[in-house]
């Protein structure tokens, strides 16, 4: 365990950031599942709306450093390809 005050603070800050990152990643995964369910049920309009939300969430996560920019762009590209083939 850390003895120095600044090290103790860093531990708290890291724990808080870890929780925020987990929340963001979990939200993104949930939206992706909803997107795929909408595509499976041929709800193209609903899938398009969810896709816009996913794109915003992934961009935000990339800006904040939760996921890398390349990873976010790759996921958006993969989902865009799915929706374009479904149309």
PDB file of N, CA and C in Angstrom:
ATOM      1  N   UNK A   1       0.835  -1.184   0.000  1.00  0.00           N
ATOM      2  CA  UNK A   1       0.000   0.000   0.000  1.00  0.00           C
ATOM      3  C   UNK A   1       0.881   1.248   0.000  1.00  0.00           C
ATOM      4  N   UNK A   2       0.382   2.280  -0.647  1.00  0.00           N
ATOM      5  CA  UNK A   2       1.146   3.517  -0.770  1.00  0.00           C
ATOM      6  C   UNK A   2       1.197   4.257   0.570  1.00  0.00           C
ATOM      7  N   UNK A   3       2.343   4.871   0.834  1.00  0.00           N
ATOM      8  CA  UNK A   3       2.520   5.647   2.060  1.00  0.00           C
ATOM      9  C   UNK A   3       2.453   7.144   1.795  1.00  0.00           C
ATOM     10  N   UNK A   4       2.805   7.549   0.598  1.00  0.00           N
ATOM     11  CA  UNK A   4       2.859   8.971   0.267  1.00  0.00           C
ATOM     12  C   UNK A   4       1.457   9.449  -0.108  1.00  0.00           C
ATOM     13  N   UNK A   5       1.143  10.674   0.334  1.00  0.00           N
ATOM     14  CA  UNK A   5      -0.192  11.225   0.132  1.00  0.00           C
ATOM     15  C   UNK A   5      -0.573  11.296  -1.349  1.00  0.00           C
ATOM     16  N   UNK A   6       0.356  11.724  -2.192  1.00  0.00           N
ATOM     17  CA  UNK A   6       0.050  11.851  -3.627  1.00  0.00           C
ATOM     18  C   UNK A   6      -0.176  10.478  -4.267  1.00  0.00           C
ATOM     19  N   UNK A   7       0.533   9.474  -3.789  1.00  0.00           N
ATOM     20  CA  UNK A   7       0.346   8.121  -4.315  1.00  0.00           C
ATOM     21  C   UNK A   7      -1.020   7.572  -3.916  1.00  0.00           C
ATOM     22  N   UNK A   8      -1.457   7.890  -2.688  1.00  0.00           N
ATOM     23  CA  UNK A   8      -2.784   7.469  -2.251  1.00  0.00           C
ATOM     24  C   UNK A   8      -3.857   8.123  -3.105  1.00  0.00           C
ATOM     25  N   UNK A   9      -3.658   9.401  -3.415  1.00  0.00           N
ATOM     26  CA  UNK A   9      -4.622  10.116  -4.252  1.00  0.00           C
ATOM     27  C   UNK A   9      -4.670   9.508  -5.648  1.00  0.00           C
ATOM     28  N   UNK A  10      -3.512   9.187  -6.210  1.00  0.00           N
ATOM     29  CA  UNK A  10      -3.477   8.587  -7.549  1.00  0.00           C
ATOM     30  C   UNK A  10      -4.252   7.279  -7.581  1.00  0.00           C
ATOM     31  N   UNK A  11      -4.150   6.496  -6.527  1.00  0.00           N
ATOM     32  CA  UNK A  11      -4.888   5.233  -6.458  1.00  0.00           C
ATOM     33  C   UNK A  11      -6.386   5.497  -6.533  1.00  0.00           C
ATOM     34  N   UNK A  12      -6.870   6.505  -5.782  1.00  0.00           N
ATOM     35  CA  UNK A  12      -8.297   6.855  -5.812  1.00  0.00           C
ATOM     36  C   UNK A  12      -8.721   7.339  -7.188  1.00  0.00           C
ATOM     37  N   UNK A  13      -7.892   8.184  -7.794  1.00  0.00           N
ATOM     38  CA  UNK A  13      -8.216   8.736  -9.118  1.00  0.00           C
ATOM     39  C   UNK A  13      -8.287   7.612 -10.150  1.00  0.00           C
ATOM     40  N   UNK A  14      -7.337   6.702 -10.096  1.00  0.00           N
ATOM     41  CA  UNK A  14      -7.312   5.582 -11.045  1.00  0.00           C
ATOM     42  C   UNK A  14      -8.544   4.700 -10.863  1.00  0.00           C
ATOM     43  N   UNK A  15      -8.953   4.462  -9.627  1.00  0.00           N
ATOM     44  CA  UNK A  15     -10.150   3.659  -9.382  1.00  0.00           C
ATOM     45  C   UNK A  15     -11.381   4.323  -9.985  1.00  0.00           C
ATOM     46  N   UNK A  16     -11.499   5.647  -9.825  1.00  0.00           N
ATOM     47  CA  UNK A  16     -12.645   6.364 -10.384  1.00  0.00           C
ATOM     48  C   UNK A  16     -12.636   6.321 -11.911  1.00  0.00           C
ATOM     49  N   UNK A  17     -11.470   6.524 -12.500  1.00  0.00           N
ATOM     50  CA  UNK A  17     -11.370   6.491 -13.961  1.00  0.00           C
ATOM     51  C   UNK A  17     -11.672   5.097 -14.496  1.00  0.00           C
ATOM     52  N   UNK A  18     -11.261   4.070 -13.763  1.00  0.00           N
ATOM     53  CA  UNK A  18     -11.533   2.697 -14.172  1.00  0.00           C
ATOM     54  C   UNK A  18     -13.034   2.437 -14.201  1.00  0.00           C
ATOM     55  N   UNK A  19     -13.748   2.935 -13.204  1.00  0.00           N
ATOM     56  CA  UNK A  19     -15.201   2.766 -13.166  1.00  0.00           C
ATOM     57  C   UNK A  19     -15.875   3.478 -14.339  1.00  0.00           C
ATOM     58  N   UNK A  20     -15.416   4.683 -14.645  1.00  0.00           N
ATOM     59  CA  UNK A  20     -15.992   5.436 -15.759  1.00  0.00           C
ATOM     60  C   UNK A  20     -15.729   4.713 -17.073  1.00  0.00           C
ATOM     61  N   UNK A  21     -14.506   4.210 -17.251  1.00  0.00           N
ATOM     62  CA  UNK A  21     -14.172   3.495 -18.478  1.00  0.00           C
ATOM     63  C   UNK A  21     -15.001   2.224 -18.629  1.00  0.00           C
ATOM     64  N   UNK A  22     -15.198   1.491 -17.525  1.00  0.00           N
ATOM     65  CA  UNK A  22     -16.020   0.280 -17.567  1.00  0.00           C
ATOM     66  C   UNK A  22     -17.450   0.619 -17.967  1.00  0.00           C
ATOM     67  N   UNK A  23     -17.964   1.724 -17.426  1.00  0.00           N
ATOM     68  CA  UNK A  23     -19.328   2.145 -17.743  1.00  0.00           C
ATOM     69  C   UNK A  23     -19.454   2.468 -19.229  1.00  0.00           C
ATOM     70  N   UNK A  24     -18.495   3.208 -19.764  1.00  0.00           N
ATOM     71  CA  UNK A  24     -18.529   3.574 -21.184  1.00  0.00           C
ATOM     72  C   UNK A  24     -18.472   2.340 -22.072  1.00  0.00           C
ATOM     73  N   UNK A  25     -17.545   1.438 -21.773  1.00  0.00           N
ATOM     74  CA  UNK A  25     -17.404   0.229 -22.589  1.00  0.00           C
ATOM     75  C   UNK A  25     -18.666  -0.635 -22.512  1.00  0.00           C
ATOM     76  N   UNK A  26     -19.256  -0.727 -21.337  1.00  0.00           N
ATOM     77  CA  UNK A  26     -20.469  -1.517 -21.169  1.00  0.00           C
ATOM     78  C   UNK A  26     -21.619  -0.922 -21.973  1.00  0.00           C
ATOM     79  N   UNK A  27     -21.758   0.404 -21.951  1.00  0.00           N
ATOM     80  CA  UNK A  27     -22.796   1.067 -22.741  1.00  0.00           C
ATOM     81  C   UNK A  27     -22.622   0.781 -24.218  1.00  0.00           C
ATOM     82  N   UNK A  28     -21.406   0.861 -24.690  1.00  0.00           N
ATOM     83  CA  UNK A  28     -21.128   0.636 -26.112  1.00  0.00           C
ATOM     84  C   UNK A  28     -21.491  -0.799 -26.486  1.00  0.00           C
ATOM     85  N   UNK A  29     -21.101  -1.753 -25.654  1.00  0.00           N
ATOM     86  CA  UNK A  29     -21.414  -3.153 -25.943  1.00  0.00           C
ATOM     87  C   UNK A  29     -22.919  -3.381 -25.975  1.00  0.00           C
ATOM     88  N   UNK A  30     -23.648  -2.736 -25.058  1.00  0.00           N
ATOM     89  CA  UNK A  30     -25.101  -2.876 -25.018  1.00  0.00           C
ATOM     90  C   UNK A  30     -25.730  -2.313 -26.286  1.00  0.00           C
ATOM     91  N   UNK A  31     -25.267  -1.136 -26.708  1.00  0.00           N
ATOM     92  CA  UNK A  31     -25.798  -0.541 -27.930  1.00  0.00           C
ATOM     93  C   UNK A  31     -25.499  -1.418 -29.149  1.00  0.00           C
ATOM     94  N   UNK A  32     -24.329  -2.020 -29.186  1.00  0.00           N
ATOM     95  CA  UNK A  32     -23.975  -2.885 -30.309  1.00  0.00           C
ATOM     96  C   UNK A  32     -24.895  -4.109 -30.339  1.00  0.00           C
ATOM     97  N   UNK A  33     -25.192  -4.679 -29.164  1.00  0.00           N
ATOM     98  CA  UNK A  33     -26.114  -5.814 -29.106  1.00  0.00           C
ATOM     99  C   UNK A  33     -27.500  -5.403 -29.590  1.00  0.00           C
ATOM    100  N   UNK A  34     -27.965  -4.226 -29.158  1.00  0.00           N
ATOM    101  CA  UNK A  34     -29.269  -3.738 -29.606  1.00  0.00           C
ATOM    102  C   UNK A  34     -29.281  -3.503 -31.113  1.00  0.00           C
ATOM    103  N   UNK A  35     -28.168  -3.001 -31.641  1.00  0.00           N
ATOM    104  CA  UNK A  35     -28.033  -2.759 -33.076  1.00  0.00           C
ATOM    105  C   UNK A  35     -28.151  -4.073 -33.849  1.00  0.00           C
ATOM    106  N   UNK A  36     -27.437  -5.088 -33.394  1.00  0.00           N
ATOM    107  CA  UNK A  36     -27.462  -6.383 -34.075  1.00  0.00           C
ATOM    108  C   UNK A  36     -28.841  -7.042 -33.961  1.00  0.00           C
ATOM    109  N   UNK A  37     -29.503  -6.872 -32.824  1.00  0.00           N
ATOM    110  CA  UNK A  37     -30.862  -7.404 -32.681  1.00  0.00           C
ATOM    111  C   UNK A  37     -31.820  -6.704 -33.640  1.00  0.00           C
ATOM    112  N   UNK A  38     -31.660  -5.397 -33.799  1.00  0.00           N
ATOM    113  CA  UNK A  38     -32.520  -4.646 -34.719  1.00  0.00           C
ATOM    114  C   UNK A  38     -32.293  -5.118 -36.153  1.00  0.00           C
ATOM    115  N   UNK A  39     -31.040  -5.375 -36.510  1.00  0.00           N
ATOM    116  CA  UNK A  39     -30.756  -5.871 -37.863  1.00  0.00           C
ATOM    117  C   UNK A  39     -31.338  -7.271 -38.068  1.00  0.00           C
ATOM    118  N   UNK A  40     -31.238  -8.106 -37.057  1.00  0.00           N
ATOM    119  CA  UNK A  40     -31.790  -9.460 -37.168  1.00  0.00           C
ATOM    120  C   UNK A  40     -33.306  -9.442 -37.352  1.00  0.00           C
ATOM    121  N   UNK A  41     -33.955  -8.444 -36.746  1.00  0.00           N
ATOM    122  CA  UNK A  41     -35.407  -8.329 -36.841  1.00  0.00           C
ATOM    123  C   UNK A  41     -35.845  -7.442 -38.009  1.00  0.00           C
ATOM    124  N   UNK A  42     -34.910  -7.076 -38.871  1.00  0.00           N
ATOM    125  CA  UNK A  42     -35.171  -6.241 -40.053  1.00  0.00           C
ATOM    126  C   UNK A  42     -35.758  -4.879 -39.708  1.00  0.00           C
ATOM    127  N   UNK A  43     -35.373  -4.317 -38.567  1.00  0.00           N
ATOM    128  CA  UNK A  43     -35.761  -2.958 -38.189  1.00  0.00           C
ATOM    129  C   UNK A  43     -34.641  -2.010 -38.622  1.00  0.00           C
ATOM    130  N   UNK A  44     -34.615  -1.688 -39.898  1.00  0.00           N
ATOM    131  CA  UNK A  44     -33.519  -0.887 -40.451  1.00  0.00           C
ATOM    132  C   UNK A  44     -33.517   0.523 -39.872  1.00  0.00           C
ATOM    133  N   UNK A  45     -34.702   1.128 -39.721  1.00  0.00           N
ATOM    134  CA  UNK A  45     -34.766   2.495 -39.189  1.00  0.00           C
ATOM    135  C   UNK A  45     -34.249   2.549 -37.755  1.00  0.00           C
ATOM    136  N   UNK A  46     -34.652   1.578 -36.957  1.00  0.00           N
ATOM    137  CA  UNK A  46     -34.176   1.514 -35.568  1.00  0.00           C
ATOM    138  C   UNK A  46     -32.666   1.284 -35.538  1.00  0.00           C
ATOM    139  N   UNK A  47     -32.176   0.428 -36.418  1.00  0.00           N
ATOM    140  CA  UNK A  47     -30.739   0.147 -36.479  1.00  0.00           C
ATOM    141  C   UNK A  47     -29.959   1.395 -36.855  1.00  0.00           C
ATOM    142  N   UNK A  48     -30.498   2.202 -37.767  1.00  0.00           N
ATOM    143  CA  UNK A  48     -29.819   3.440 -38.164  1.00  0.00           C
ATOM    144  C   UNK A  48     -29.713   4.413 -36.993  1.00  0.00           C
ATOM    145  N   UNK A  49     -30.780   4.528 -36.213  1.00  0.00           N
ATOM    146  CA  UNK A  49     -30.766   5.414 -35.045  1.00  0.00           C
ATOM    147  C   UNK A  49     -29.750   4.929 -34.007  1.00  0.00           C
ATOM    148  N   UNK A  50     -29.742   3.631 -33.767  1.00  0.00           N
ATOM    149  CA  UNK A  50     -28.792   3.066 -32.809  1.00  0.00           C
ATOM    150  C   UNK A  50     -27.366   3.243 -33.320  1.00  0.00           C
ATOM    151  N   UNK A  51     -27.180   3.111 -34.632  1.00  0.00           N
ATOM    152  CA  UNK A  51     -25.853   3.282 -35.223  1.00  0.00           C
ATOM    153  C   UNK A  51     -25.319   4.693 -34.974  1.00  0.00           C
ATOM    154  N   UNK A  52     -26.182   5.697 -35.111  1.00  0.00           N
ATOM    155  CA  UNK A  52     -25.758   7.077 -34.847  1.00  0.00           C
ATOM    156  C   UNK A  52     -25.310   7.235 -33.402  1.00  0.00           C
ATOM    157  N   UNK A  53     -26.055   6.620 -32.498  1.00  0.00           N
ATOM    158  CA  UNK A  53     -25.703   6.692 -31.079  1.00  0.00           C
ATOM    159  C   UNK A  53     -24.379   5.992 -30.809  1.00  0.00           C
ATOM    160  N   UNK A  54     -24.208   4.822 -31.409  1.00  0.00           N
ATOM    161  CA  UNK A  54     -22.955   4.075 -31.217  1.00  0.00           C
ATOM    162  C   UNK A  54     -21.781   4.890 -31.725  1.00  0.00           C
ATOM    163  N   UNK A  55     -21.953   5.514 -32.874  1.00  0.00           N
ATOM    164  CA  UNK A  55     -20.857   6.304 -33.451  1.00  0.00           C
ATOM    165  C   UNK A  55     -20.476   7.450 -32.514  1.00  0.00           C
ATOM    166  N   UNK A  56     -21.466   8.136 -31.947  1.00  0.00           N
ATOM    167  CA  UNK A  56     -21.186   9.227 -31.004  1.00  0.00           C
ATOM    168  C   UNK A  56     -20.479   8.698 -29.762  1.00  0.00           C
ATOM    169  N   UNK A  57     -20.989   7.584 -29.239  1.00  0.00           N
ATOM    170  CA  UNK A  57     -20.400   7.018 -28.019  1.00  0.00           C
ATOM    171  C   UNK A  57     -18.953   6.572 -28.253  1.00  0.00           C
ATOM    172  N   UNK A  58     -18.706   5.931 -29.393  1.00  0.00           N
ATOM    173  CA  UNK A  58     -17.351   5.478 -29.686  1.00  0.00           C
ATOM    174  C   UNK A  58     -16.401   6.650 -29.905  1.00  0.00           C
ATOM    175  N   UNK A  59     -16.865   7.690 -30.584  1.00  0.00           N
ATOM    176  CA  UNK A  59     -16.018   8.870 -30.778  1.00  0.00           C
ATOM    177  C   UNK A  59     -15.669   9.507 -29.442  1.00  0.00           C
ATOM    178  N   UNK A  60     -16.665   9.606 -28.575  1.00  0.00           N
ATOM    179  CA  UNK A  60     -16.441  10.181 -27.255  1.00  0.00           C
ATOM    180  C   UNK A  60     -15.445   9.336 -26.460  1.00  0.00           C
ATOM    181  N   UNK A  61     -15.611   8.024 -26.516  1.00  0.00           N
ATOM    182  CA  UNK A  61     -14.708   7.121 -25.796  1.00  0.00           C
ATOM    183  C   UNK A  61     -13.286   7.235 -26.339  1.00  0.00           C
ATOM    184  N   UNK A  62     -13.161   7.434 -27.653  1.00  0.00           N
ATOM    185  CA  UNK A  62     -11.832   7.575 -28.249  1.00  0.00           C
ATOM    186  C   UNK A  62     -11.192   8.886 -27.819  1.00  0.00           C
ATOM    187  N   UNK A  63     -11.975   9.943 -27.772  1.00  0.00           N
ATOM    188  CA  UNK A  63     -11.439  11.242 -27.344  1.00  0.00           C
ATOM    189  C   UNK A  63     -10.985  11.179 -25.894  1.00  0.00           C
ATOM    190  N   UNK A  64     -11.766  10.515 -25.055  1.00  0.00           N
ATOM    191  CA  UNK A  64     -11.438  10.422 -23.634  1.00  0.00           C
ATOM    192  C   UNK A  64     -10.356   9.391 -23.335  1.00  0.00           C
ATOM    193  N   UNK A  65     -10.003   8.566 -24.314  1.00  0.00           N
ATOM    194  CA  UNK A  65      -8.933   7.603 -24.107  1.00  0.00           C
ATOM    195  C   UNK A  65      -9.398   6.264 -23.572  1.00  0.00           C
ATOM    196  N   UNK A  66     -10.695   6.030 -23.558  1.00  0.00           N
ATOM    197  CA  UNK A  66     -11.212   4.749 -23.085  1.00  0.00           C
ATOM    198  C   UNK A  66     -10.860   3.643 -24.060  1.00  0.00           C
ATOM    199  N   UNK A  67     -11.036   3.918 -25.342  1.00  0.00           N
ATOM    200  CA  UNK A  67     -10.616   3.002 -26.403  1.00  0.00           C
ATOM    201  C   UNK A  67      -9.720   3.784 -27.357  1.00  0.00           C
ATOM    202  N   UNK A  68      -8.893   3.078 -28.108  1.00  0.00           N
ATOM    203  CA  UNK A  68      -8.022   3.780 -29.041  1.00  0.00           C
ATOM    204  C   UNK A  68      -8.835   4.295 -30.222  1.00  0.00           C
ATOM    205  N   UNK A  69      -8.324   5.317 -30.880  1.00  0.00           N
ATOM    206  CA  UNK A  69      -9.028   5.901 -32.021  1.00  0.00           C
ATOM    207  C   UNK A  69      -9.192   4.886 -33.144  1.00  0.00           C
ATOM    208  N   UNK A  70      -8.156   4.096 -33.385  1.00  0.00           N
ATOM    209  CA  UNK A  70      -8.225   3.087 -34.447  1.00  0.00           C
ATOM    210  C   UNK A  70      -9.273   2.022 -34.128  1.00  0.00           C
ATOM    211  N   UNK A  71      -9.346   1.622 -32.883  1.00  0.00           N
ATOM    212  CA  UNK A  71     -10.327   0.621 -32.474  1.00  0.00           C
ATOM    213  C   UNK A  71     -11.745   1.154 -32.651  1.00  0.00           C
ATOM    214  N   UNK A  72     -11.966   2.401 -32.268  1.00  0.00           N
ATOM    215  CA  UNK A  72     -13.281   3.012 -32.411  1.00  0.00           C
ATOM    216  C   UNK A  72     -13.678   3.103 -33.883  1.00  0.00           C
ATOM    217  N   UNK A  73     -12.770   3.558 -34.723  1.00  0.00           N
ATOM    218  CA  UNK A  73     -13.048   3.694 -36.150  1.00  0.00           C
ATOM    219  C   UNK A  73     -13.301   2.333 -36.785  1.00  0.00           C
ATOM    220  N   UNK A  74     -12.560   1.319 -36.354  1.00  0.00           N
ATOM    221  CA  UNK A  74     -12.726  -0.024 -36.892  1.00  0.00           C
ATOM    222  C   UNK A  74     -14.110  -0.578 -36.542  1.00  0.00           C
ATOM    223  N   UNK A  75     -14.555  -0.351 -35.297  1.00  0.00           N
ATOM    224  CA  UNK A  75     -15.871  -0.834 -34.893  1.00  0.00           C
ATOM    225  C   UNK A  75     -16.975  -0.117 -35.657  1.00  0.00           C
ATOM    226  N   UNK A  76     -16.830   1.197 -35.834  1.00  0.00           N
ATOM    227  CA  UNK A  76     -17.838   1.956 -36.582  1.00  0.00           C
ATOM    228  C   UNK A  76     -17.889   1.477 -38.024  1.00  0.00           C
ATOM    229  N   UNK A  77     -16.733   1.242 -38.615  1.00  0.00           N
ATOM    230  CA  UNK A  77     -16.669   0.778 -39.995  1.00  0.00           C
ATOM    231  C   UNK A  77     -17.340  -0.584 -40.141  1.00  0.00           C
ATOM    232  N   UNK A  78     -17.085  -1.471 -39.203  1.00  0.00           N
ATOM    233  CA  UNK A  78     -17.659  -2.813 -39.235  1.00  0.00           C
ATOM    234  C   UNK A  78     -19.186  -2.757 -39.147  1.00  0.00           C
ATOM    235  N   UNK A  79     -19.689  -1.884 -38.267  1.00  0.00           N
ATOM    236  CA  UNK A  79     -21.137  -1.752 -38.115  1.00  0.00           C
ATOM    237  C   UNK A  79     -21.765  -1.080 -39.331  1.00  0.00           C
ATOM    238  N   UNK A  80     -21.062  -0.115 -39.912  1.00  0.00           N
ATOM    239  CA  UNK A  80     -21.565   0.553 -41.122  1.00  0.00           C
ATOM    240  C   UNK A  80     -21.669  -0.439 -42.269  1.00  0.00           C
ATOM    241  N   UNK A  81     -20.695  -1.315 -42.359  1.00  0.00           N
ATOM    242  CA  UNK A  81     -20.724  -2.330 -43.407  1.00  0.00           C
ATOM    243  C   UNK A  81     -21.934  -3.252 -43.210  1.00  0.00           C
ATOM    244  N   UNK A  82     -22.217  -3.612 -41.960  1.00  0.00           N
ATOM    245  CA  UNK A  82     -23.362  -4.475 -41.670  1.00  0.00           C
ATOM    246  C   UNK A  82     -24.674  -3.805 -42.088  1.00  0.00           C
ATOM    247  N   UNK A  83     -24.807  -2.529 -41.751  1.00  0.00           N
ATOM    248  CA  UNK A  83     -26.065  -1.848 -42.055  1.00  0.00           C
ATOM    249  C   UNK A  83     -26.215  -1.621 -43.553  1.00  0.00           C
ATOM    250  N   UNK A  84     -25.114  -1.402 -44.252  1.00  0.00           N
ATOM    251  CA  UNK A  84     -25.190  -1.193 -45.705  1.00  0.00           C
ATOM    252  C   UNK A  84     -25.538  -2.477 -46.450  1.00  0.00           C
ATOM    253  N   UNK A  85     -25.076  -3.595 -45.951  1.00  0.00           N
ATOM    254  CA  UNK A  85     -25.419  -4.864 -46.604  1.00  0.00           C
ATOM    255  C   UNK A  85     -26.857  -5.270 -46.301  1.00  0.00           C
ATOM    256  N   UNK A  86     -27.398  -4.787 -45.173  1.00  0.00           N
ATOM    257  CA  UNK A  86     -28.766  -5.138 -44.791  1.00  0.00           C
ATOM    258  C   UNK A  86     -29.792  -4.359 -45.612  1.00  0.00           C
ATOM    259  N   UNK A  87     -29.403  -3.220 -46.133  1.00  0.00           N
ATOM    260  CA  UNK A  87     -30.355  -2.365 -46.878  1.00  0.00           C
ATOM    261  C   UNK A  87     -30.694  -2.953 -48.206  1.00  0.00           C
TER     262      UNK A  87
END
